[in-house]
C-alpha atoms as a PDB file:
ATOM      1  CA  UNK A   1      41.665 198.965 116.092  1.00  0.00           C
ATOM      2  CA  UNK A   2      43.996 202.099 114.921  1.00  0.00           C
ATOM      3  CA  UNK A   3      41.539 204.815 113.141  1.00  0.00           C
ATOM      4  CA  UNK A   4      40.758 204.721 109.780  1.00  0.00           C
ATOM      5  CA  UNK A   5      42.650 207.978 108.633  1.00  0.00           C
ATOM      6  CA  UNK A   6      46.268 206.277 109.733  1.00  0.00           C
ATOM      7  CA  UNK A   7      45.557 203.376 107.868  1.00  0.00           C
ATOM      8  CA  UNK A   8      45.361 202.804 104.097  1.00  0.00           C
ATOM      9  CA  UNK A   9      42.096 201.491 103.221  1.00  0.00           C
ATOM     10  CA  UNK A  10      44.171 198.016 102.446  1.00  0.00           C
ATOM     11  CA  UNK A  11      43.364 195.021 104.360  1.00  0.00           C
ATOM     12  CA  UNK A  12      45.870 192.191 103.541  1.00  0.00           C
ATOM     13  CA  UNK A  13      45.911 187.584 104.378  1.00  0.00           C
ATOM     14  CA  UNK A  14      49.522 186.036 105.040  1.00  0.00           C
ATOM     15  CA  UNK A  15      49.301 182.383 105.639  1.00  0.00           C
ATOM     16  CA  UNK A  16      51.626 180.050 108.335  1.00  0.00           C
ATOM     17  CA  UNK A  17      53.893 178.463 106.327  1.00  0.00           C
ATOM     18  CA  UNK A  18      55.084 174.535 106.376  1.00  0.00           C
ATOM     19  CA  UNK A  19      58.443 174.644 105.993  1.00  0.00           C
ATOM     20  CA  UNK A  20      61.138 175.688 109.331  1.00  0.00           C
ATOM     21  CA  UNK A  21      62.984 178.050 106.635  1.00  0.00           C
ATOM     22  CA  UNK A  22      59.222 179.983 105.194  1.00  0.00           C
ATOM     23  CA  UNK A  23      58.960 180.210 109.057  1.00  0.00           C
ATOM     24  CA  UNK A  24      62.060 182.478 109.327  1.00  0.00           C
ATOM     25  CA  UNK A  25      60.557 184.749 106.349  1.00  0.00           C
ATOM     26  CA  UNK A  26      56.991 185.474 108.062  1.00  0.00           C
ATOM     27  CA  UNK A  27      57.896 187.598 110.143  1.00  0.00           C
ATOM     28  CA  UNK A  28      60.090 189.411 108.011  1.00  0.00           C
ATOM     29  CA  UNK A  29      56.700 189.486 105.810  1.00  0.00           C
ATOM     30  CA  UNK A  30      54.680 190.869 108.293  1.00  0.00           C
ATOM     31  CA  UNK A  31      57.583 193.281 109.441  1.00  0.00           C
ATOM     32  CA  UNK A  32      57.685 194.300 105.243  1.00  0.00           C
ATOM     33  CA  UNK A  33      53.557 194.785 105.594  1.00  0.00           C
ATOM     34  CA  UNK A  34      53.698 196.705 108.982  1.00  0.00           C
ATOM     35  CA  UNK A  35      54.502 200.461 107.442  1.00  0.00           C
ATOM     36  CA  UNK A  36      51.991 199.886 104.554  1.00  0.00           C
ATOM     37  CA  UNK A  37      49.748 200.959 107.662  1.00  0.00           C
ATOM     38  CA  UNK A  38      46.615 198.231 106.769  1.00  0.00           C
ATOM     39  CA  UNK A  39      43.535 197.899 107.950  1.00  0.00           C
ATOM     40  CA  UNK A  40      44.117 194.624 109.524  1.00  0.00           C
ATOM     41  CA  UNK A  41      45.991 191.309 109.150  1.00  0.00           C
ATOM     42  CA  UNK A  42      44.350 188.604 108.703  1.00  0.00           C
ATOM     43  CA  UNK A  43      45.701 184.916 108.806  1.00  0.00           C
ATOM     44  CA  UNK A  44      44.603 181.696 107.753  1.00  0.00           C
ATOM     45  CA  UNK A  45      44.295 178.330 108.914  1.00  0.00           C
ATOM     46  CA  UNK A  46      45.187 175.000 108.114  1.00  0.00           C
ATOM     47  CA  UNK A  47      42.468 171.850 108.196  1.00  0.00           C
ATOM     48  CA  UNK A  48      45.479 169.835 108.070  1.00  0.00           C
ATOM     49  CA  UNK A  49      48.887 169.686 109.266  1.00  0.00           C
ATOM     50  CA  UNK A  50      49.142 172.728 111.078  1.00  0.00           C
ATOM     51  CA  UNK A  51      48.889 173.630 114.586  1.00  0.00           C
ATOM     52  CA  UNK A  52      46.503 176.158 115.209  1.00  0.00           C
ATOM     53  CA  UNK A  53      48.042 177.567 118.626  1.00  0.00           C
ATOM     54  CA  UNK A  54      51.497 177.528 117.104  1.00  0.00           C
ATOM     55  CA  UNK A  55      50.990 178.236 113.444  1.00  0.00           C
ATOM     56  CA  UNK A  56      47.509 181.008 112.561  1.00  0.00           C
ATOM     57  CA  UNK A  57      47.475 182.356 116.866  1.00  0.00           C
ATOM     58  CA  UNK A  58      51.035 182.550 116.999  1.00  0.00           C
ATOM     59  CA  UNK A  59      51.234 185.169 113.764  1.00  0.00           C
ATOM     60  CA  UNK A  60      48.101 187.052 115.014  1.00  0.00           C
ATOM     61  CA  UNK A  61      49.668 187.155 118.687  1.00  0.00           C
ATOM     62  CA  UNK A  62      52.530 188.725 116.438  1.00  0.00           C
ATOM     63  CA  UNK A  63      50.545 191.271 114.591  1.00  0.00           C
ATOM     64  CA  UNK A  64      48.166 192.503 116.850  1.00  0.00           C
ATOM     65  CA  UNK A  65      51.095 193.003 120.032  1.00  0.00           C
ATOM     66  CA  UNK A  66      54.451 193.367 118.425  1.00  0.00           C
ATOM     67  CA  UNK A  67      53.413 195.292 115.364  1.00  0.00           C
ATOM     68  CA  UNK A  68      50.652 197.067 116.817  1.00  0.00           C
ATOM     69  CA  UNK A  69      47.881 195.675 113.852  1.00  0.00           C
ATOM     70  CA  UNK A  70      45.087 194.434 114.187  1.00  0.00           C
ATOM     71  CA  UNK A  71      45.027 190.897 113.745  1.00  0.00           C
ATOM     72  CA  UNK A  72      42.042 188.399 112.560  1.00  0.00           C
ATOM     73  CA  UNK A  73      42.478 184.730 112.486  1.00  0.00           C
ATOM     74  CA  UNK A  74      40.899 182.687 110.608  1.00  0.00           C
ATOM     75  CA  UNK A  75      38.687 179.552 112.020  1.00  0.00           C
ATOM     76  CA  UNK A  76      37.104 176.712 110.171  1.00  0.00           C
ATOM     77  CA  UNK A  77      33.766 175.575 111.836  1.00  0.00           C
ATOM     78  CA  UNK A  78      34.287 172.203 110.734  1.00  0.00           C
ATOM     79  CA  UNK A  79      37.797 171.352 112.405  1.00  0.00           C
ATOM     80  CA  UNK A  80      36.966 173.046 116.023  1.00  0.00           C
ATOM     81  CA  UNK A  81      34.478 171.319 118.579  1.00  0.00           C
ATOM     82  CA  UNK A  82      32.781 173.436 121.329  1.00  0.00           C
ATOM     83  CA  UNK A  83      35.529 172.849 123.830  1.00  0.00           C
ATOM     84  CA  UNK A  84      38.300 173.852 121.255  1.00  0.00           C
ATOM     85  CA  UNK A  85      36.146 176.983 120.553  1.00  0.00           C
ATOM     86  CA  UNK A  86      36.030 178.172 124.399  1.00  0.00           C
ATOM     87  CA  UNK A  87      39.861 178.025 124.627  1.00  0.00           C
ATOM     88  CA  UNK A  88      39.880 179.791 121.576  1.00  0.00           C
ATOM     89  CA  UNK A  89      37.939 182.769 123.030  1.00  0.00           C
ATOM     90  CA  UNK A  90      39.729 182.697 126.003  1.00  0.00           C
ATOM     91  CA  UNK A  91      43.167 182.884 124.276  1.00  0.00           C
ATOM     92  CA  UNK A  92      41.889 185.584 121.711  1.00  0.00           C
ATOM     93  CA  UNK A  93      40.504 187.604 124.939  1.00  0.00           C
ATOM     94  CA  UNK A  94      44.155 186.930 126.641  1.00  0.00           C
ATOM     95  CA  UNK A  95      45.633 188.319 123.568  1.00  0.00           C
ATOM     96  CA  UNK A  96      43.582 191.591 122.846  1.00  0.00           C
ATOM     97  CA  UNK A  97      42.729 190.100 119.304  1.00  0.00           C
ATOM     98  CA  UNK A  98      38.719 190.698 119.070  1.00  0.00           C
ATOM     99  CA  UNK A  99      38.783 189.265 115.153  1.00  0.00           C
ATOM    100  CA  UNK A 100      38.273 186.490 113.766  1.00  0.00           C
ATOM    101  CA  UNK A 101      37.043 185.394 110.185  1.00  0.00           C
ATOM    102  CA  UNK A 102      34.605 182.797 110.311  1.00  0.00           C
ATOM    103  CA  UNK A 103      34.632 180.634 107.686  1.00  0.00           C
ATOM    104  CA  UNK A 104      33.421 176.255 107.573  1.00  0.00           C
ATOM    105  CA  UNK A 105      36.270 175.031 105.829  1.00  0.00           C
ATOM    106  CA  UNK A 106      36.896 172.385 103.377  1.00  0.00           C
ATOM    107  CA  UNK A 107      37.230 169.568 103.755  1.00  0.00           C
ATOM    108  CA  UNK A 108      40.842 167.522 104.054  1.00  0.00           C
ATOM    109  CA  UNK A 109      41.480 164.146 103.092  1.00  0.00           C
ATOM    110  CA  UNK A 110      42.159 162.118 106.009  1.00  0.00           C
ATOM    111  CA  UNK A 111      41.090 164.702 108.484  1.00  0.00           C
ATOM    112  CA  UNK A 112      37.850 163.914 110.126  1.00  0.00           C
ATOM    113  CA  UNK A 113      35.495 167.054 110.671  1.00  0.00           C
ATOM    114  CA  UNK A 114      33.862 167.547 114.045  1.00  0.00           C
ATOM    115  CA  UNK A 115      30.132 167.918 114.745  1.00  0.00           C
ATOM    116  CA  UNK A 116      29.121 170.278 116.582  1.00  0.00           C
ATOM    117  CA  UNK A 117      29.431 173.217 113.797  1.00  0.00           C
ATOM    118  CA  UNK A 118      28.086 172.414 109.933  1.00  0.00           C
ATOM    119  CA  UNK A 119      28.738 175.698 108.588  1.00  0.00           C
ATOM    120  CA  UNK A 120      30.097 179.161 109.456  1.00  0.00           C
ATOM    121  CA  UNK A 121      26.844 180.889 110.489  1.00  0.00           C
ATOM    122  CA  UNK A 122      26.333 178.244 113.424  1.00  0.00           C
ATOM    123  CA  UNK A 123      29.731 178.931 114.567  1.00  0.00           C
ATOM    124  CA  UNK A 124      29.284 183.027 114.150  1.00  0.00           C
ATOM    125  CA  UNK A 125      26.132 181.823 116.645  1.00  0.00           C
ATOM    126  CA  UNK A 126      27.966 180.207 119.443  1.00  0.00           C
ATOM    127  CA  UNK A 127      30.621 182.535 119.385  1.00  0.00           C
ATOM    128  CA  UNK A 128      28.339 185.531 120.117  1.00  0.00           C
ATOM    129  CA  UNK A 129      26.583 183.370 122.139  1.00  0.00           C
ATOM    130  CA  UNK A 130      29.621 183.322 124.143  1.00  0.00           C
ATOM    131  CA  UNK A 131      30.927 186.695 123.907  1.00  0.00           C
ATOM    132  CA  UNK A 132      29.156 189.180 121.541  1.00  0.00           C
ATOM    133  CA  UNK A 133      32.459 191.015 121.844  1.00  0.00           C
ATOM    134  CA  UNK A 134      34.083 190.010 119.172  1.00  0.00           C
ATOM    135  CA  UNK A 135      34.052 191.160 115.555  1.00  0.00           C
ATOM    136  CA  UNK A 136      33.103 188.059 113.204  1.00  0.00           C
ATOM    137  CA  UNK A 137      34.344 188.593 108.936  1.00  0.00           C
ATOM    138  CA  UNK A 138      32.412 186.423 106.978  1.00  0.00           C
ATOM    139  CA  UNK A 139      33.229 184.910 103.478  1.00  0.00           C
ATOM    140  CA  UNK A 140      31.076 185.148 100.426  1.00  0.00           C
ATOM    141  CA  UNK A 141      31.257 184.470  97.178  1.00  0.00           C
ATOM    142  CA  UNK A 142      30.281 187.358  94.134  1.00  0.00           C
ATOM    143  CA  UNK A 143      29.949 184.536  91.225  1.00  0.00           C
ATOM    144  CA  UNK A 144      28.035 182.326  94.205  1.00  0.00           C
ATOM    145  CA  UNK A 145      29.381 179.321  96.419  1.00  0.00           C
ATOM    146  CA  UNK A 146      30.823 176.530  94.145  1.00  0.00           C
ATOM    147  CA  UNK A 147      27.728 174.649  96.321  1.00  0.00           C
ATOM    148  CA  UNK A 148      25.396 176.669  96.205  1.00  0.00           C
ATOM    149  CA  UNK A 149      22.511 175.852  93.554  1.00  0.00           C
ATOM    150  CA  UNK A 150      21.538 179.308  92.317  1.00  0.00           C
ATOM    151  CA  UNK A 151      22.218 183.134  93.238  1.00  0.00           C
ATOM    152  CA  UNK A 152      19.136 183.122  94.914  1.00  0.00           C
ATOM    153  CA  UNK A 153      19.949 180.904  97.644  1.00  0.00           C
ATOM    154  CA  UNK A 154      23.436 181.485  97.529  1.00  0.00           C
ATOM    155  CA  UNK A 155      22.289 185.366  98.739  1.00  0.00           C
ATOM    156  CA  UNK A 156      19.464 183.717 101.036  1.00  0.00           C
ATOM    157  CA  UNK A 157      22.553 181.832 103.092  1.00  0.00           C
ATOM    158  CA  UNK A 158      24.377 184.487 103.464  1.00  0.00           C
ATOM    159  CA  UNK A 159      21.630 186.639 104.812  1.00  0.00           C
ATOM    160  CA  UNK A 160      21.262 184.221 107.651  1.00  0.00           C
ATOM    161  CA  UNK A 161      25.492 184.264 108.028  1.00  0.00           C
ATOM    162  CA  UNK A 162      24.802 188.086 109.010  1.00  0.00           C
ATOM    163  CA  UNK A 163      21.157 187.365 110.915  1.00  0.00           C
ATOM    164  CA  UNK A 164      24.189 184.561 113.293  1.00  0.00           C
ATOM    165  CA  UNK A 165      26.554 187.913 113.923  1.00  0.00           C
ATOM    166  CA  UNK A 166      28.619 188.543 111.083  1.00  0.00           C
ATOM    167  CA  UNK A 167      29.805 191.882 110.873  1.00  0.00           C
ATOM    168  CA  UNK A 168      31.451 192.660 108.229  1.00  0.00           C
ATOM    169  CA  UNK A 169      32.066 190.105 104.749  1.00  0.00           C
ATOM    170  CA  UNK A 170      34.964 189.428 102.280  1.00  0.00           C
ATOM    171  CA  UNK A 171      35.026 188.868  98.912  1.00  0.00           C
ATOM    172  CA  UNK A 172      36.523 185.529  97.434  1.00  0.00           C
ATOM    173  CA  UNK A 173      38.798 186.811  95.042  1.00  0.00           C
ATOM    174  CA  UNK A 174      37.047 187.665  91.398  1.00  0.00           C
ATOM    175  CA  UNK A 175      38.784 189.319  88.406  1.00  0.00           C
ATOM    176  CA  UNK A 176      35.387 191.324  86.801  1.00  0.00           C
ATOM    177  CA  UNK A 177      34.591 194.074  89.031  1.00  0.00           C
ATOM    178  CA  UNK A 178      31.343 194.048  86.903  1.00  0.00           C
ATOM    179  CA  UNK A 179      30.775 190.662  88.604  1.00  0.00           C
ATOM    180  CA  UNK A 180      31.366 192.578  92.286  1.00  0.00           C
ATOM    181  CA  UNK A 181      28.654 195.241  91.142  1.00  0.00           C
ATOM    182  CA  UNK A 182      26.442 193.416  90.594  1.00  0.00           C
ATOM    183  CA  UNK A 183      26.566 190.912  94.064  1.00  0.00           C
ATOM    184  CA  UNK A 184      26.816 193.919  95.696  1.00  0.00           C
ATOM    185  CA  UNK A 185      23.249 195.381  94.261  1.00  0.00           C
ATOM    186  CA  UNK A 186      22.694 191.809  95.251  1.00  0.00           C
ATOM    187  CA  UNK A 187      23.019 191.665  98.582  1.00  0.00           C
ATOM    188  CA  UNK A 188      21.687 195.869  98.839  1.00  0.00           C
ATOM    189  CA  UNK A 189      18.287 194.230  97.995  1.00  0.00           C
ATOM    190  CA  UNK A 190      18.186 191.727 100.208  1.00  0.00           C
ATOM    191  CA  UNK A 191      18.948 193.700 103.296  1.00  0.00           C
ATOM    192  CA  UNK A 192      22.442 192.890 103.502  1.00  0.00           C
ATOM    193  CA  UNK A 193      23.882 196.267 104.678  1.00  0.00           C
ATOM    194  CA  UNK A 194      27.259 194.488 106.322  1.00  0.00           C
ATOM    195  CA  UNK A 195      30.487 196.011 104.820  1.00  0.00           C
ATOM    196  CA  UNK A 196      31.357 194.350 102.176  1.00  0.00           C
ATOM    197  CA  UNK A 197      35.733 194.046 101.625  1.00  0.00           C
ATOM    198  CA  UNK A 198      36.568 193.111  97.625  1.00  0.00           C
ATOM    199  CA  UNK A 199      38.946 190.666  97.978  1.00  0.00           C
ATOM    200  CA  UNK A 200      41.968 190.998  95.052  1.00  0.00           C
ATOM    201  CA  UNK A 201      44.901 188.445  94.618  1.00  0.00           C
ATOM    202  CA  UNK A 202      46.957 189.763  92.165  1.00  0.00           C
ATOM    203  CA  UNK A 203      48.048 187.525  89.525  1.00  0.00           C
ATOM    204  CA  UNK A 204      52.677 188.315  89.416  1.00  0.00           C
ATOM    205  CA  UNK A 205      53.182 184.838  88.044  1.00  0.00           C
ATOM    206  CA  UNK A 206      53.027 182.104  86.114  1.00  0.00           C
ATOM    207  CA  UNK A 207      52.469 178.736  88.673  1.00  0.00           C
ATOM    208  CA  UNK A 208      50.213 180.941  90.281  1.00  0.00           C
ATOM    209  CA  UNK A 209      48.047 181.608  87.181  1.00  0.00           C
ATOM    210  CA  UNK A 210      47.452 177.864  86.957  1.00  0.00           C
ATOM    211  CA  UNK A 211      46.897 177.228  90.088  1.00  0.00           C
ATOM    212  CA  UNK A 212      43.565 179.918  90.684  1.00  0.00           C
ATOM    213  CA  UNK A 213      42.705 178.457  86.732  1.00  0.00           C
ATOM    214  CA  UNK A 214      42.282 175.204  88.354  1.00  0.00           C
ATOM    215  CA  UNK A 215      41.250 175.516  91.817  1.00  0.00           C
ATOM    216  CA  UNK A 216      38.800 179.100  91.208  1.00  0.00           C
ATOM    217  CA  UNK A 217      35.604 179.040  89.463  1.00  0.00           C
ATOM    218  CA  UNK A 218      35.386 182.705  88.715  1.00  0.00           C
ATOM    219  CA  UNK A 219      35.303 184.396  85.103  1.00  0.00           C
ATOM    220  CA  UNK A 220      37.892 185.310  84.014  1.00  0.00           C
ATOM    221  CA  UNK A 221      37.181 188.162  81.602  1.00  0.00           C
ATOM    222  CA  UNK A 222      38.582 188.523  78.330  1.00  0.00           C
ATOM    223  CA  UNK A 223      41.411 190.812  79.023  1.00  0.00           C
ATOM    224  CA  UNK A 224      42.567 188.625  81.492  1.00  0.00           C
ATOM    225  CA  UNK A 225      42.904 185.211  79.148  1.00  0.00           C
ATOM    226  CA  UNK A 226      44.646 187.567  77.134  1.00  0.00           C
ATOM    227  CA  UNK A 227      47.589 188.814  79.448  1.00  0.00           C
ATOM    228  CA  UNK A 228      47.553 184.969  80.653  1.00  0.00           C
ATOM    229  CA  UNK A 229      48.154 183.510  76.824  1.00  0.00           C
ATOM    230  CA  UNK A 230      50.649 186.544  75.753  1.00  0.00           C
ATOM    231  CA  UNK A 231      52.592 186.317  78.853  1.00  0.00           C
ATOM    232  CA  UNK A 232      52.862 183.336  80.254  1.00  0.00           C
ATOM    233  CA  UNK A 233      55.913 182.587  79.270  1.00  0.00           C
ATOM    234  CA  UNK A 234      57.880 185.720  79.927  1.00  0.00           C
ATOM    235  CA  UNK A 235      57.883 186.435  83.331  1.00  0.00           C
ATOM    236  CA  UNK A 236      58.993 190.314  84.457  1.00  0.00           C
ATOM    237  CA  UNK A 237      55.966 190.560  81.193  1.00  0.00           C
ATOM    238  CA  UNK A 238      53.473 188.334  83.470  1.00  0.00           C
ATOM    239  CA  UNK A 239      54.660 190.581  86.690  1.00  0.00           C
ATOM    240  CA  UNK A 240      54.150 193.218  85.678  1.00  0.00           C
ATOM    241  CA  UNK A 241      50.538 193.074  83.617  1.00  0.00           C
ATOM    242  CA  UNK A 242      49.319 190.365  86.562  1.00  0.00           C
ATOM    243  CA  UNK A 243      50.201 193.491  89.327  1.00  0.00           C
ATOM    244  CA  UNK A 244      48.707 196.587  86.501  1.00  0.00           C
ATOM    245  CA  UNK A 245      45.940 194.428  85.653  1.00  0.00           C
ATOM    246  CA  UNK A 246      44.568 194.344  90.173  1.00  0.00           C
ATOM    247  CA  UNK A 247      45.748 198.042  90.258  1.00  0.00           C
ATOM    248  CA  UNK A 248      43.171 198.678  87.689  1.00  0.00           C
ATOM    249  CA  UNK A 249      40.505 196.703  89.476  1.00  0.00           C
ATOM    250  CA  UNK A 250      40.813 198.898  93.357  1.00  0.00           C
ATOM    251  CA  UNK A 251      41.320 201.834  91.509  1.00  0.00           C
ATOM    252  CA  UNK A 252      37.821 201.565  89.662  1.00  0.00           C
ATOM    253  CA  UNK A 253      35.986 199.804  92.831  1.00  0.00           C
ATOM    254  CA  UNK A 254      37.698 202.904  95.319  1.00  0.00           C
ATOM    255  CA  UNK A 255      36.178 205.181  92.640  1.00  0.00           C
ATOM    256  CA  UNK A 256      33.451 203.292  93.150  1.00  0.00           C
ATOM    257  CA  UNK A 257      33.251 203.592  96.814  1.00  0.00           C
ATOM    258  CA  UNK A 258      33.394 200.084  97.900  1.00  0.00           C
ATOM    259  CA  UNK A 259      34.163 199.901 101.902  1.00  0.00           C
ATOM    260  CA  UNK A 260      38.148 198.388 101.285  1.00  0.00           C
ATOM    261  CA  UNK A 261      40.227 196.118  99.778  1.00  0.00           C
ATOM    262  CA  UNK A 262      41.797 192.973 101.385  1.00  0.00           C
ATOM    263  CA  UNK A 263      45.303 191.778  99.296  1.00  0.00           C
ATOM    264  CA  UNK A 264      45.220 187.989  99.310  1.00  0.00           C
ATOM    265  CA  UNK A 265      49.104 188.643  99.057  1.00  0.00           C
ATOM    266  CA  UNK A 266      50.318 184.857  98.884  1.00  0.00           C
ATOM    267  CA  UNK A 267      52.728 186.057 101.651  1.00  0.00           C
ATOM    268  CA  UNK A 268      54.723 188.097  98.700  1.00  0.00           C
ATOM    269  CA  UNK A 269      55.187 191.597 100.475  1.00  0.00           C
ATOM    270  CA  UNK A 270      57.107 193.463  97.612  1.00  0.00           C
ATOM    271  CA  UNK A 271      53.463 192.978  95.848  1.00  0.00           C
ATOM    272  CA  UNK A 272      51.671 194.085  98.410  1.00  0.00           C
ATOM    273  CA  UNK A 273      54.460 197.476  98.284  1.00  0.00           C
ATOM    274  CA  UNK A 274      53.803 198.125  94.373  1.00  0.00           C
ATOM    275  CA  UNK A 275      50.168 197.798  95.119  1.00  0.00           C
ATOM    276  CA  UNK A 276      49.991 200.356  98.162  1.00  0.00           C
ATOM    277  CA  UNK A 277      52.474 202.317  96.261  1.00  0.00           C
ATOM    278  CA  UNK A 278      50.320 202.898  93.785  1.00  0.00           C
ATOM    279  CA  UNK A 279      46.969 203.299  95.335  1.00  0.00           C
ATOM    280  CA  UNK A 280      47.811 204.611  98.363  1.00  0.00           C
ATOM    281  CA  UNK A 281      46.337 208.102  97.296  1.00  0.00           C
ATOM    282  CA  UNK A 282      43.217 206.794  96.549  1.00  0.00           C
ATOM    283  CA  UNK A 283      41.869 205.384  99.725  1.00  0.00           C
ATOM    284  CA  UNK A 284      42.249 208.626 102.346  1.00  0.00           C
ATOM    285  CA  UNK A 285      39.297 210.372  99.635  1.00  0.00           C
ATOM    286  CA  UNK A 286      36.904 208.228  98.699  1.00  0.00           C
ATOM    287  CA  UNK A 287      36.969 204.774 101.199  1.00  0.00           C
ATOM    288  CA  UNK A 288      34.825 204.381 104.087  1.00  0.00           C
ATOM    289  CA  UNK A 289      35.690 202.904 107.638  1.00  0.00           C
ATOM    290  CA  UNK A 290      34.545 199.397 107.806  1.00  0.00           C
END
């Protein structure tokens, strides 16, 4: 992995495209992200139509071995059995990919889950038992997991995930930094001491905003909803204010010395570049390597 001094303090998430046209574009997207010097690029995994080897693994290989950027593969516990995981670990070792983001995975209609791993922590324990050299990332929820009965239970399960071998946590998107800081404090009180990367999603168009509002249970601060209401029919203004909002979030987070920022790029390199240019001078002065 590149040294922290050679990186921007940002990391990026991309997803494998589902169409031939988009599949051609993703490699240009990755090239566009390369010179932003990210800490790593993570590649999501689909529970449904995409073959893992031909989508997630192929792109992570390209990130790691063609672009020279640390690649992180997403693995969903519900949709792999032990024999499949054994094969994936062999392939990752061959490719020199050492980083795995382990998720439980949402249930996909018409796609029955496997039975070996019910939770992300189960898969983490298994991977570490097979090869402890892999660096495992886990997801966390500043506003608690949607299925968690309360924040105390959520922190308890998160602590179990770290005990299972999670080396670094990445938050789901949030739009209130105060929510993140309270979550960070709760983690510290529970002796969860692995690096905590803040997940930021810039909202740059109306369709994305509507999707976020429909799918997310994030608290939306008044200034965020005011932005959406005021500029929902003005694409250029919504894009400008959405980028400004994300940059303000990142500036505040980095000033408070968070471990790093993971940007949900939605495969839009121009958005990532804009944010990188606006924030690159902040990271080298304040962030610690994860």
